[in-house]
Amino acid sequence: RYEARSFYGPFKKAFSGIYPMVGVPKAGYPEGLARVFNVDNWLFGPLVEIGGRLTGRISRAHIGIPQMYLIWQVAGAALVMAALFWLLR
């Protein structure tokens, strides 16, 4: 069984002097582009922070009278059903 380099070796030798060697300039690291692609900092981080504050406020509403907890469950179920009907229309 032949290795891949054994197939390409003769071609590399034959064409080695035909093409000139051109130096390619080194490019710097694009800091601005890295910030754009770092989605954790500008999208996910703020979303998690907002979600944490929102769930903290909602969890404080669950403390206390058990009837209030049941009312929140019914309101949440109604909200989920409304969202499903809206999505599936």
Protein backbone atom coordinates (compact mmCIF):
# COMPACT_ATOMS: atom_id res chain seq x y z
CA ARG A 1 0.00 0.00 0.00
CA TYR A 2 1.41 3.40 -1.00
CA GLU A 3 1.35 6.40 1.27
CA ALA A 4 -0.01 9.70 -0.04
CA ARG A 5 3.41 11.34 0.02
CA SER A 6 4.75 8.69 -2.35
CA PHE A 7 2.21 9.75 -4.98
CA TYR A 8 2.85 13.47 -4.61
CA GLY A 9 6.62 13.29 -4.20
CA PRO A 10 7.49 13.04 -7.94
CA PHE A 11 5.14 15.91 -8.79
CA LYS A 12 6.60 18.11 -6.07
CA LYS A 13 10.10 17.42 -7.40
CA ALA A 14 9.10 18.09 -11.01
CA PHE A 15 7.31 21.36 -10.27
CA SER A 16 9.56 22.64 -7.47
CA GLY A 17 11.55 25.08 -9.63
CA ILE A 18 8.66 26.35 -11.78
CA TYR A 19 6.84 28.54 -9.28
CA PRO A 20 8.72 31.37 -7.55
CA MET A 21 8.72 31.56 -3.77
CA VAL A 22 6.85 34.65 -2.64
CA GLY A 23 7.03 35.86 0.94
CA VAL A 24 3.66 36.51 2.52
CA PRO A 25 3.48 39.40 5.00
CA LYS A 26 2.43 38.52 8.53
CA ALA A 27 -0.95 39.87 9.55
CA GLY A 28 -1.56 41.15 13.05
CA TYR A 29 -4.21 39.75 15.38
CA PRO A 30 -7.50 41.61 14.74
CA GLU A 31 -8.59 42.65 18.24
CA GLY A 32 -11.80 44.31 17.01
CA LEU A 33 -12.81 41.21 15.11
CA ALA A 34 -12.09 39.07 18.16
CA ARG A 35 -14.43 41.27 20.22
CA VAL A 36 -17.18 40.88 17.61
CA PHE A 37 -16.92 37.09 17.64
CA ASN A 38 -16.74 36.88 21.46
CA VAL A 39 -20.47 36.36 21.89
CA ASP A 40 -20.05 35.40 25.56
CA ASN A 41 -19.18 38.98 26.53
CA TRP A 42 -21.70 41.00 24.57
CA LEU A 43 -24.71 38.64 24.30
CA PHE A 44 -24.77 35.66 26.63
CA GLY A 45 -23.36 37.46 29.68
CA PRO A 46 -26.00 40.22 29.72
CA LEU A 47 -28.78 37.71 28.95
CA VAL A 48 -27.76 35.51 31.88
CA GLU A 49 -27.56 38.55 34.15
CA ILE A 50 -31.05 39.73 33.12
CA GLY A 51 -32.42 36.21 33.50
CA GLY A 52 -30.89 35.92 36.96
CA ARG A 53 -32.46 39.18 38.11
CA LEU A 54 -35.83 38.20 36.61
CA THR A 55 -35.85 34.78 38.26
CA GLY A 56 -34.80 36.38 41.55
CA ARG A 57 -37.80 38.71 41.43
CA ILE A 58 -40.16 35.90 40.49
CA SER A 59 -38.79 33.63 43.22
CA ARG A 60 -39.48 36.32 45.83
CA ALA A 61 -43.14 36.26 44.74
CA HIS A 62 -43.31 32.53 45.54
CA ILE A 63 -42.46 33.07 49.20
CA GLY A 64 -45.44 33.38 51.50
CA ILE A 65 -49.02 32.33 51.17
CA PRO A 66 -49.41 28.96 49.37
CA GLN A 67 -52.40 30.33 47.43
CA MET A 68 -50.14 32.91 45.78
CA TYR A 69 -47.83 30.12 44.67
CA LEU A 70 -50.77 28.32 43.05
CA ILE A 71 -51.90 31.54 41.36
CA TRP A 72 -48.41 31.97 39.86
CA GLN A 73 -48.51 28.38 38.58
CA VAL A 74 -51.89 28.96 36.93
CA ALA A 75 -50.69 32.25 35.43
CA GLY A 76 -47.54 30.57 34.10
CA ALA A 77 -49.52 27.70 32.59
CA ALA A 78 -51.87 30.18 30.91
CA LEU A 79 -48.89 32.09 29.53
CA VAL A 80 -47.33 28.90 28.15
CA MET A 81 -50.63 27.83 26.55
CA ALA A 82 -51.07 31.27 24.97
CA ALA A 83 -47.52 31.14 23.58
CA LEU A 84 -48.12 27.65 22.16
CA PHE A 85 -51.38 28.69 20.50
CA TRP A 86 -49.67 31.77 19.06
CA LEU A 87 -46.73 29.72 17.72
CA LEU A 88 -48.90 26.97 16.24
CA ARG A 89 -51.53 29.14 14.55
